[in-house]
Each structure stands twice: as C-alpha cells, then as structure tokens.
Amino acid sequence: MTTVAVLGATGSIGSQTIEVVRAEPERFRITALAAWSSVELLASYAREFQPEVVAIGNPGLAATLRMEVPEGTEVLVGAEGYEELATRAEVVVNGIVGFAGLGVTLAALSSGRRLALANKESLIAAGPLVQPLRATPGAELIPVDSEHCALHQCLRSSDPEGQARYLHQLVLTASGGPFRGWGSVELQEVTVEQALEHPTWAMGPKITVDSSTLMNKGLEVIEAHELFGVDYKQIEVVVHPESIVHSMATFTDGATIAQLSEPDMRLPIAYALAYPERISTPFGSIDWGTNKSLHFEPPDRKNFPCLDLAYSAGETGDTAPAWMNGANEAAVDAFLSGRISWPEIANLIESALNQYDGAVAESVEAVVRADRRGRECVATDLSDRGR
C-alpha cells in the first residue's frame, strides 16, 4: 500500500486527491495532511483517514486543530511544518497554491520522495534549484497538471523512460478560457464573476483567472520546458475548447500521440499516485458511442498577451520566471479585489518585467527576492495610480 501526504488538502487538488484515495482504499493510505486555515475540513479528513501527522499553515489555528484531530495525531505548524510533512510519505501531493509551495517541492525531492506536483509555480519560479534535486536517489517528479500529465504519458509511449530523444514538438492544449473569441472592447468590461466562470474546469480563483488571461498556459509552457528539457521553440500552444485532448507530442517520424479523456483532474492525480502503474477506477472515461467534435485554433496573442510574456520570461531564464510569477500573483490579487480591470493584469506584468534586474537563480533566497521584487513592482505601479 502506498502512503500519501496531501498538502493543500482542503483545496481543489487536495479534495480531489481525497476522492481518489476513497475510490482505491486498498492501494493508498493517507498518512499526512496539511492546509492553511480550513481547520474544520482538515480535522474532518483527519478523523476519516487517521493520519500520523497534520499541519496547519496559520499558527493561530494550531490550538484549535489539536483539539479536533484524533488522539495521537501529531500537529505541525507553519512553513517548517509543511516541509517536515513532505518527508512523511512515499508520495507527496503538492496542491498548495502559488509560490508558497516552493519549500514543499524542495523538501519532497531532497528527501527522495515521489512528488505529485500540482504547484506549478514552484517549478516555474525555481527551476534551476529544483532540477538538481530530481537526481536525489528515490526522487521522482510526476506532474499533476492535466496537460503535463498528458505529455508525460505521450513521451512514455515513445520511450518507457519518458525521454524526449525522438521528440519533434510538444503541443499544449488550452481551453481558451471564458473569453475565447472576445475582442478588446469586450475585454475592457470583464467582471470578476465572469473571469471565475471557467467553461470546462473547476479550479481555485487564482488559477481560474490565470486561465482567462492565458497566463496559466504561459506558466505551463515554462513548466514543460523544465519538466522535459525541451527548448521553447519546440513547445506550441493551441486552443482546444472541448478540453478532451489534454496535450500532444509529435515525434521525429511525423507521428503525433495525444492523451484524451473527459475533463477530470482525478485522472492525472491518480496517475501520479499510482505511477508507473494505473488504477482501476475510470476517472475521465469517454463514451465513444456519442458524437464528438474536436476543434483546434491558434491562440489570440494580441488580446491575450500574457502568453507571450511568459514565453519571454522563460527564455530569459534565471530569476525572470520568478519575477514574472510574483508580479502575476500580485496583479491577479488586485483584479480579484476590484482594484484593476482585467486587461490591466497583463499591463502590470509587462511593466514589472521591464524592470527585471537579471539576477542569477543561485539560491532559494535569490528566487524569493525575485518573487518579492516582482510583487513590489506591481504594488508601486498601483500606488502611483492611487489604487
């Protein structure tokens, strides 16, 4: 039986990981759980699964959690607690949102665990630091993003080791978000409520807004580069509104291999938990007896400039992705709080990138500083605008 640690247990990825474990209780056992502040739900999961250890990110809630979890369950607190918890199971699911997940990624890999990575920001922002840790004995990095999980499977079809030796091109598919086909005038009037209405996926607010701007796809381009060692010129993005083809790989002989399923994040989560095997529960299974139409089109780079901003940051390398990621998180927060319009998200990120200082990603501190500086650029810009 495989032991599992779930960080971000009360969020979208964490809750769906719980569903996978419930569906396959003979294969997986949850031994560690963590959340930032949702004490009641975290405690409920602890009573259900009887883990050895739980962690709460908000120190002020630790006392409450201790009273709610089963007797004998260890309670850890804060970022250090998260990182310790990431060493307590064979598979670590990093479902923490945003840059805060970096410490968990580093801790899991450095302790030789299999990391089921849903926190793309930690790999994007700190790729130069993460890469050496993948060589730690026992360490594995299996992507939980539907697109990268698809690419992982496509590459395995050509080489059991998942190498890119015969690869010609990776093709990342994008749903296009809720504003596919909208023009610049319409996009000026976008509301927060509209941006949070994703047509095919149920995700958290930050990721959903990123999907609406195509920044999420831009971040996934950087992630694909880091995961598979593929040059940016070999990574293409196409819009596929049905979200059935999750990504594709074209090989040197002209063959294209794609992974298809209904939109269901439990499938890539289960793939990462069971790798290199597969589970028996058919999450995302397609009924091929019904009519299916699959459409593909190029992304609208003019009205959705975040995609090219991400390509640019990725190609610049070093701490540029961390700088951009910090700026993006700050800009999305400003949009969600009603301080800026939807088009201003990209404007703020571009302005921040224009101030990038070229620092080398030589340490965690350098990456953290770049993330902070990206946020500070956005904060200064907003302050100058009186927002």
Protein backbone atom coordinates (compact mmCIF):
# COMPACT_ATOMS: atom_id res chain seq x y z
CA MET A 1 0.00 0.00 0.00
CA THR A 2 1.34 3.43 -0.98
CA THR A 3 1.45 6.11 1.72
CA VAL A 4 0.38 9.59 0.66
CA ALA A 5 0.87 13.10 2.06
CA VAL A 6 -1.62 15.71 0.84
CA LEU A 7 -0.59 19.36 1.16
CA GLY A 8 -3.30 21.84 0.30
CA ALA A 9 -5.72 19.11 1.39
CA THR A 10 -8.77 21.35 1.60
CA GLY A 11 -8.31 22.99 -1.81
CA SER A 12 -9.38 21.79 -5.23
CA ILE A 13 -6.45 19.43 -5.87
CA GLY A 14 -6.39 18.19 -2.29
CA SER A 15 -10.10 17.44 -2.17
CA GLN A 16 -9.92 15.53 -5.45
CA THR A 17 -6.90 13.59 -4.15
CA ILE A 18 -9.09 12.58 -1.22
CA GLU A 19 -11.69 11.30 -3.70
CA VAL A 20 -9.07 9.19 -5.50
CA VAL A 21 -7.95 7.63 -2.21
CA ARG A 22 -11.54 6.91 -1.26
CA ALA A 23 -12.04 5.17 -4.61
CA GLU A 24 -8.94 2.98 -4.16
CA PRO A 25 -8.57 2.40 -0.38
CA GLU A 26 -6.74 -0.88 -0.91
CA ARG A 27 -3.95 0.92 -2.81
CA PHE A 28 -3.43 4.21 -0.98
CA ARG A 29 -3.24 5.28 2.65
CA ILE A 30 -3.10 8.93 3.71
CA THR A 31 -0.50 9.38 6.44
CA ALA A 32 -0.12 13.18 6.37
CA LEU A 33 -2.44 16.11 5.68
CA ALA A 34 -1.91 19.88 5.57
CA ALA A 35 -3.97 23.02 4.96
CA TRP A 36 -3.51 26.74 5.51
CA SER A 37 -6.60 27.67 7.55
CA SER A 38 -9.60 25.37 6.91
CA VAL A 39 -9.46 23.75 10.34
CA GLU A 40 -12.88 22.09 10.32
CA LEU A 41 -12.44 20.35 6.98
CA LEU A 42 -8.83 19.38 7.74
CA ALA A 43 -9.91 17.91 11.07
CA SER A 44 -12.74 16.06 9.36
CA TYR A 45 -10.27 14.46 6.95
CA ALA A 46 -8.00 13.61 9.89
CA ARG A 47 -10.83 11.82 11.67
CA GLU A 48 -11.67 9.91 8.49
CA PHE A 49 -8.16 8.82 7.48
CA GLN A 50 -6.38 8.75 10.86
CA PRO A 51 -3.07 10.19 9.55
CA GLU A 52 0.06 10.13 11.64
CA VAL A 53 0.60 13.88 11.24
CA VAL A 54 -1.27 17.02 10.17
CA ALA A 55 0.00 20.55 9.57
CA ILE A 56 -1.73 23.92 9.65
CA GLY A 57 -0.14 26.88 7.90
CA ASN A 58 -1.73 29.57 10.08
CA PRO A 59 -0.04 29.32 13.52
CA GLY A 60 -3.02 30.96 15.21
CA LEU A 61 -5.18 27.95 14.40
CA ALA A 62 -2.86 25.24 15.76
CA ALA A 63 -4.53 25.04 19.18
CA THR A 64 -7.96 24.61 17.61
CA LEU A 65 -6.68 21.88 15.29
CA ARG A 66 -5.08 19.98 18.18
CA MET A 67 -8.46 19.78 19.90
CA GLU A 68 -10.19 18.48 16.77
CA VAL A 69 -7.84 15.77 15.45
CA PRO A 70 -7.75 12.18 16.75
CA GLU A 71 -5.70 11.47 19.84
CA GLY A 72 -2.09 10.71 19.00
CA THR A 73 -2.07 12.68 15.74
CA GLU A 74 0.97 14.95 15.60
CA VAL A 75 0.25 18.59 14.72
CA LEU A 76 2.86 20.67 12.92
CA VAL A 77 2.70 24.40 12.22
CA GLY A 78 3.74 26.87 9.51
CA ALA A 79 6.11 26.55 6.56
CA GLU A 80 8.52 24.38 8.57
CA GLY A 81 5.65 22.06 9.40
CA TYR A 82 4.73 21.81 5.73
CA GLU A 83 8.28 20.92 4.78
CA GLU A 84 8.57 18.30 7.52
CA LEU A 85 5.25 16.78 6.47
CA ALA A 86 6.60 16.48 2.90
CA THR A 87 9.06 13.86 4.16
CA ARG A 88 6.45 11.66 5.88
CA ALA A 89 5.04 9.63 2.97
CA GLU A 90 6.12 7.79 -0.16
CA VAL A 91 4.12 10.15 -2.41
CA VAL A 92 3.77 13.86 -1.66
CA VAL A 93 0.91 15.73 -3.36
CA ASN A 94 1.83 19.42 -3.52
CA GLY A 95 -1.52 21.12 -4.03
CA ILE A 96 -0.52 24.39 -2.37
CA VAL A 97 -1.48 27.44 -4.43
CA GLY A 98 1.19 29.84 -5.64
CA PHE A 99 4.81 30.47 -4.74
CA ALA A 100 4.20 29.27 -1.17
CA GLY A 101 4.55 25.70 -2.43
CA LEU A 102 8.28 26.02 -3.20
CA GLY A 103 9.51 24.76 0.16
CA VAL A 104 7.39 21.61 -0.11
CA THR A 105 8.73 20.85 -3.60
CA LEU A 106 12.33 21.20 -2.43
CA ALA A 107 11.74 19.17 0.75
CA ALA A 108 9.97 16.31 -1.01
CA LEU A 109 12.60 15.88 -3.72
CA SER A 110 15.59 16.33 -1.44
CA SER A 111 14.22 13.58 0.83
CA GLY A 112 13.87 11.18 -2.10
CA ARG A 113 10.06 11.14 -2.37
CA ARG A 114 7.80 10.92 -5.37
CA LEU A 115 6.39 14.42 -5.83
CA ALA A 116 2.95 14.66 -7.41
CA LEU A 117 3.28 18.29 -8.44
CA ALA A 118 0.20 20.44 -8.88
CA ASN A 119 2.01 23.56 -7.65
CA LYS A 120 3.46 24.65 -10.98
CA GLU A 121 4.73 27.95 -9.60
CA SER A 122 7.48 26.34 -7.51
CA LEU A 123 8.97 24.61 -10.56
CA ILE A 124 8.49 27.66 -12.77
CA ALA A 125 10.00 30.14 -10.34
CA ALA A 126 12.79 27.93 -9.06
CA GLY A 127 13.54 25.53 -11.91
CA PRO A 128 17.35 25.94 -11.60
CA LEU A 129 17.11 24.92 -7.92
CA VAL A 130 14.64 22.08 -8.42
CA GLN A 131 16.43 20.38 -11.30
CA PRO A 132 19.48 19.09 -9.34
CA LEU A 133 17.19 17.62 -6.66
CA ARG A 134 15.50 15.39 -9.22
CA ALA A 135 18.70 13.34 -9.21
CA THR A 136 18.30 12.54 -5.48
CA PRO A 137 18.05 8.75 -5.05
CA GLY A 138 14.38 7.79 -4.92
CA ALA A 139 13.13 11.21 -6.02
CA GLU A 140 10.53 11.35 -8.81
CA LEU A 141 8.61 14.33 -10.17
CA ILE A 142 5.25 13.39 -11.71
CA PRO A 143 3.17 16.34 -12.96
CA VAL A 144 -0.45 16.60 -11.88
CA ASP A 145 -1.43 19.34 -14.35
CA SER A 146 -3.67 17.66 -16.92
CA GLU A 147 -1.51 18.94 -19.79
CA HIS A 148 1.83 17.84 -18.37
CA CYS A 149 0.45 14.54 -17.19
CA ALA A 150 -0.73 14.04 -20.78
CA LEU A 151 2.73 14.88 -22.12
CA HIS A 152 4.32 12.53 -19.59
CA GLN A 153 2.14 9.72 -20.94
CA CYS A 154 2.78 10.65 -24.58
CA LEU A 155 6.54 10.59 -24.06
CA ARG A 156 6.30 7.20 -22.34
CA SER A 157 4.61 5.88 -25.46
CA SER A 158 7.81 6.52 -27.41
CA ASP A 159 10.28 5.65 -24.69
CA PRO A 160 9.49 3.77 -21.44
CA GLU A 161 11.79 6.13 -19.59
CA GLY A 162 9.81 9.15 -20.82
CA GLN A 163 12.82 10.68 -22.55
CA ALA A 164 12.45 13.24 -25.35
CA ARG A 165 15.11 11.71 -27.61
CA TYR A 166 12.68 11.19 -30.53
CA LEU A 167 10.64 14.32 -29.90
CA HIS A 168 9.99 16.94 -32.52
CA GLN A 169 7.42 19.12 -30.73
CA LEU A 170 5.24 19.34 -27.62
CA VAL A 171 1.74 20.72 -28.15
CA LEU A 172 -0.01 22.14 -25.08
CA THR A 173 -3.75 22.48 -25.46
CA ALA A 174 -5.69 25.37 -23.91
CA SER A 175 -9.44 25.62 -23.46
CA GLY A 176 -9.24 29.32 -24.31
CA GLY A 177 -10.96 30.20 -21.03
CA PRO A 178 -14.26 32.05 -20.70
CA PHE A 179 -13.29 34.86 -23.09
CA ARG A 180 -12.22 32.93 -26.16
CA GLY A 181 -13.18 34.97 -29.23
CA TRP A 182 -13.74 38.20 -27.29
CA GLY A 183 -12.35 41.43 -28.72
CA SER A 184 -10.50 44.24 -26.95
CA VAL A 185 -13.66 46.31 -26.35
CA GLU A 186 -15.48 43.41 -24.69
CA LEU A 187 -12.45 42.51 -22.58
CA GLN A 188 -12.37 46.01 -21.09
CA GLU A 189 -15.69 45.24 -19.38
CA VAL A 190 -14.82 41.83 -17.90
CA THR A 191 -16.04 41.31 -14.33
CA VAL A 192 -14.51 39.15 -11.63
CA GLU A 193 -17.58 36.92 -11.73
CA GLN A 194 -17.15 36.35 -15.46
CA ALA A 195 -13.44 35.58 -15.10
CA LEU A 196 -14.23 32.94 -12.48
CA GLU A 197 -16.68 31.09 -14.76
CA HIS A 198 -14.38 28.61 -16.49
CA PRO A 199 -16.15 26.68 -19.27
CA THR A 200 -14.69 23.22 -18.57
CA TRP A 201 -12.64 23.07 -15.35
CA ALA A 202 -13.47 23.68 -11.67
CA MET A 203 -10.40 25.33 -10.12
CA GLY A 204 -9.45 27.86 -7.47
CA PRO A 205 -9.84 31.63 -8.10
CA LYS A 206 -6.20 32.41 -8.89
CA ILE A 207 -5.75 29.58 -11.40
CA THR A 208 -9.13 30.32 -12.98
CA VAL A 209 -8.19 33.96 -13.59
CA ASP A 210 -4.82 32.81 -14.96
CA SER A 211 -6.72 30.58 -17.38
CA SER A 212 -8.83 33.52 -18.52
CA THR A 213 -5.71 35.59 -19.35
CA LEU A 214 -3.80 32.61 -20.84
CA MET A 215 -1.11 33.20 -18.20
CA ASN A 216 -1.86 29.72 -16.90
CA LYS A 217 -0.89 28.34 -20.30
CA GLY A 218 2.21 30.51 -20.35
CA LEU A 219 3.25 29.15 -16.97
CA GLU A 220 2.64 25.65 -18.32
CA VAL A 221 4.98 26.38 -21.24
CA ILE A 222 7.75 27.17 -18.75
CA GLU A 223 6.82 24.10 -16.72
CA ALA A 224 7.01 21.89 -19.83
CA HIS A 225 10.47 23.26 -20.57
CA GLU A 226 11.61 22.48 -17.02
CA LEU A 227 9.94 19.07 -16.80
CA PHE A 228 11.00 17.63 -20.13
CA GLY A 229 14.13 19.62 -21.05
CA VAL A 230 12.60 20.83 -24.33
CA ASP A 231 13.57 24.11 -25.99
CA TYR A 232 10.89 26.80 -26.05
CA LYS A 233 10.91 26.73 -29.85
CA GLN A 234 9.67 23.13 -29.62
CA ILE A 235 6.67 24.00 -27.44
CA GLU A 236 3.47 25.11 -29.16
CA VAL A 237 0.14 26.18 -27.68
CA VAL A 238 -3.17 25.53 -29.45
CA VAL A 239 -6.68 26.38 -28.28
CA HIS A 240 -8.92 23.34 -27.95
CA PRO A 241 -12.25 24.40 -26.36
CA GLU A 242 -13.59 20.90 -25.70
CA SER A 243 -10.70 20.09 -23.31
CA ILE A 244 -10.74 16.45 -24.42
CA VAL A 245 -7.24 16.34 -25.91
CA HIS A 246 -5.08 17.30 -22.94
CA SER A 247 -1.85 17.66 -24.90
CA MET A 248 0.12 16.05 -27.70
CA ALA A 249 3.65 15.10 -28.68
CA THR A 250 4.87 14.97 -32.28
CA PHE A 251 7.88 12.75 -32.93
CA THR A 252 10.66 12.84 -35.49
CA ASP A 253 8.92 10.32 -37.76
CA GLY A 254 5.84 12.54 -38.04
CA ALA A 255 3.63 10.60 -35.62
CA THR A 256 1.57 12.62 -33.13
CA ILE A 257 0.49 10.93 -29.89
CA ALA A 258 -2.29 12.53 -27.84
CA GLN A 259 -3.88 11.76 -24.48
CA LEU A 260 -7.68 12.11 -24.43
CA SER A 261 -10.20 11.99 -21.59
CA GLU A 262 -13.13 13.94 -20.23
CA PRO A 263 -12.01 16.91 -18.10
CA ASP A 264 -11.42 15.32 -14.68
CA MET A 265 -8.45 16.23 -12.52
CA ARG A 266 -8.77 12.98 -10.61
CA LEU A 267 -7.24 11.17 -13.60
CA PRO A 268 -3.83 12.96 -13.51
CA ILE A 269 -3.86 12.83 -9.70
CA ALA A 270 -4.42 9.07 -9.79
CA TYR A 271 -1.74 8.68 -12.47
CA ALA A 272 0.80 10.40 -10.22
CA LEU A 273 -0.20 8.40 -7.14
CA ALA A 274 -0.03 5.02 -8.89
CA TYR A 275 2.88 5.62 -11.30
CA PRO A 276 4.23 3.58 -13.04
CA GLU A 277 1.07 1.50 -12.65
CA ARG A 278 -2.53 2.62 -13.23
CA ILE A 279 -5.61 2.47 -11.02
CA SER A 280 -8.84 0.61 -11.78
CA THR A 281 -11.30 3.49 -11.34
CA PRO A 282 -12.02 5.07 -14.78
CA PHE A 283 -11.92 8.79 -13.98
CA GLY A 284 -12.43 10.82 -17.18
CA SER A 285 -13.56 7.86 -19.28
CA ILE A 286 -15.01 8.89 -22.67
CA ASP A 287 -18.19 7.41 -24.13
CA TRP A 288 -17.08 6.94 -27.72
CA GLY A 289 -20.60 5.92 -28.72
CA THR A 290 -21.71 9.54 -28.59
CA ASN A 291 -20.97 12.22 -31.20
CA LYS A 292 -17.69 14.00 -30.58
CA SER A 293 -16.23 17.02 -32.36
CA LEU A 294 -12.73 18.26 -31.61
CA HIS A 295 -11.64 21.75 -32.66
CA PHE A 296 -8.22 23.41 -32.64
CA GLU A 297 -7.19 27.00 -33.35
CA PRO A 298 -4.23 29.28 -32.67
CA PRO A 299 -4.35 31.44 -29.54
CA ASP A 300 -5.22 35.13 -29.81
CA ARG A 301 -1.88 36.56 -28.76
CA LYS A 302 -2.91 40.19 -29.36
CA ASN A 303 -5.79 40.25 -26.88
CA PHE A 304 -4.21 37.72 -24.52
CA PRO A 305 -0.59 38.97 -24.24
CA CYS A 306 0.18 37.08 -21.01
CA LEU A 307 1.08 34.01 -23.08
CA ASP A 308 3.94 35.80 -24.82
CA LEU A 309 5.04 37.49 -21.58
CA ALA A 310 5.53 34.02 -20.11
CA TYR A 311 7.46 32.79 -23.16
CA SER A 312 9.71 35.85 -22.86
CA ALA A 313 10.36 35.33 -19.15
CA GLY A 314 11.07 31.64 -19.71
CA GLU A 315 13.53 32.32 -22.49
CA THR A 316 15.28 34.96 -20.36
CA GLY A 317 15.70 32.32 -17.64
CA ASP A 318 17.35 32.56 -14.23
CA THR A 319 15.07 34.54 -11.89
CA ALA A 320 12.92 36.11 -14.64
CA PRO A 321 10.15 33.49 -14.28
CA ALA A 322 10.07 34.06 -10.51
CA TRP A 323 9.90 37.83 -11.05
CA MET A 324 7.05 37.40 -13.53
CA ASN A 325 5.24 34.90 -11.33
CA GLY A 326 5.33 37.26 -8.36
CA ALA A 327 4.05 40.11 -10.50
CA ASN A 328 1.28 37.94 -11.85
CA GLU A 329 0.12 36.81 -8.40
CA ALA A 330 0.03 40.43 -7.24
CA ALA A 331 -1.83 41.59 -10.36
CA VAL A 332 -4.40 38.79 -10.13
CA ASP A 333 -4.97 39.64 -6.46
CA ALA A 334 -5.54 43.27 -7.44
CA PHE A 335 -8.08 42.19 -10.05
CA LEU A 336 -9.92 39.85 -7.67
CA SER A 337 -10.14 42.64 -5.10
CA GLY A 338 -11.62 45.02 -7.66
CA ARG A 339 -8.69 47.45 -7.83
CA ILE A 340 -7.87 46.95 -11.52
CA SER A 341 -9.61 45.90 -14.70
CA TRP A 342 -8.96 42.55 -16.39
CA PRO A 343 -6.73 43.97 -19.21
CA GLU A 344 -4.56 45.72 -16.63
CA ILE A 345 -3.32 42.35 -15.35
CA ALA A 346 -1.13 41.94 -18.43
CA ASN A 347 -0.13 45.63 -18.38
CA LEU A 348 1.13 45.37 -14.80
CA ILE A 349 3.09 42.17 -15.52
CA GLU A 350 4.71 43.71 -18.60
CA SER A 351 5.67 46.81 -16.62
CA ALA A 352 7.20 44.64 -13.89
CA LEU A 353 9.19 42.57 -16.40
CA ASN A 354 10.55 45.78 -17.92
CA GLN A 355 12.15 46.42 -14.51
CA TYR A 356 13.70 42.93 -14.18
CA ASP A 357 17.25 43.16 -12.82
CA GLY A 358 18.75 39.98 -14.34
CA ALA A 359 19.66 38.29 -11.06
CA VAL A 360 21.02 34.74 -11.24
CA ALA A 361 18.93 31.94 -9.67
CA GLU A 362 21.79 30.78 -7.44
CA SER A 363 19.87 30.19 -4.22
CA VAL A 364 16.41 29.99 -2.68
CA GLU A 365 17.00 33.49 -1.34
CA ALA A 366 17.63 34.82 -4.86
CA VAL A 367 14.42 33.26 -6.12
CA VAL A 368 12.43 34.54 -3.15
CA ARG A 369 13.87 38.01 -3.69
CA ALA A 370 12.92 37.96 -7.37
CA ASP A 371 9.39 36.90 -6.50
CA ARG A 372 9.18 39.71 -3.94
CA ARG A 373 10.57 42.28 -6.37
CA GLY A 374 8.00 41.31 -8.99
CA ARG A 375 5.24 41.88 -6.44
CA GLU A 376 6.80 45.16 -5.33
CA CYS A 377 6.84 46.44 -8.91
CA VAL A 378 3.11 45.84 -9.15
CA ALA A 379 2.48 47.40 -5.73
CA THR A 380 4.46 50.52 -6.71
CA ASP A 381 2.61 50.78 -10.01
CA LEU A 382 -0.74 50.52 -8.22
CA SER A 383 0.34 53.07 -5.62
CA ASP A 384 1.34 55.52 -8.34
CA ARG A 385 -2.14 55.06 -9.82
CA GLY A 386 -3.76 55.62 -6.42
CA ARG A 387 -5.16 52.07 -6.19
